[in-house]
Amino acid sequence: MAYALKFDRDQNAKRVGPYTEDMSNSVDHTFITRLFGPVSDHTIVEIISLNPMPAELERVALRLAQENDVAEIFDHPLTGGAAKVYDILLEDDLFATPDERDGERSPTGS
């Protein structure tokens, strides 16, 4: 069984689920908001247009939940569709820092 992460307003992750294999093949608005919280509709459309596998989205959710664990991030880099989804999410106001929301992207950011 697979579990998903749900984020509250403070971006605290909570494991929810379990999801069965039959349900895990469907990436839709509900699946994305369960994993990442209330991201914008534009972000959801961009993610769905990539046709990602649910497992890729779950890896991204885990990465976002472990942002403060630097060693873990460097040990398991995101690649392919997961990396693209991660970049899209970093552009969303929910995950952007206050400076990024004001249009000042970090020079080291994606």
Foldseek 3Di string as FASTA:
>chain_A
DPWAWAQDLVRATDTDDDDDPVVQADQAPVLLCRRGNPWDPVLSVVLVVLVDGSVLSRVLSVCSNCVVVVVVCVVDPRDDSSVVNNLSVCQTPSNDDPCVVVVNDDPPHD
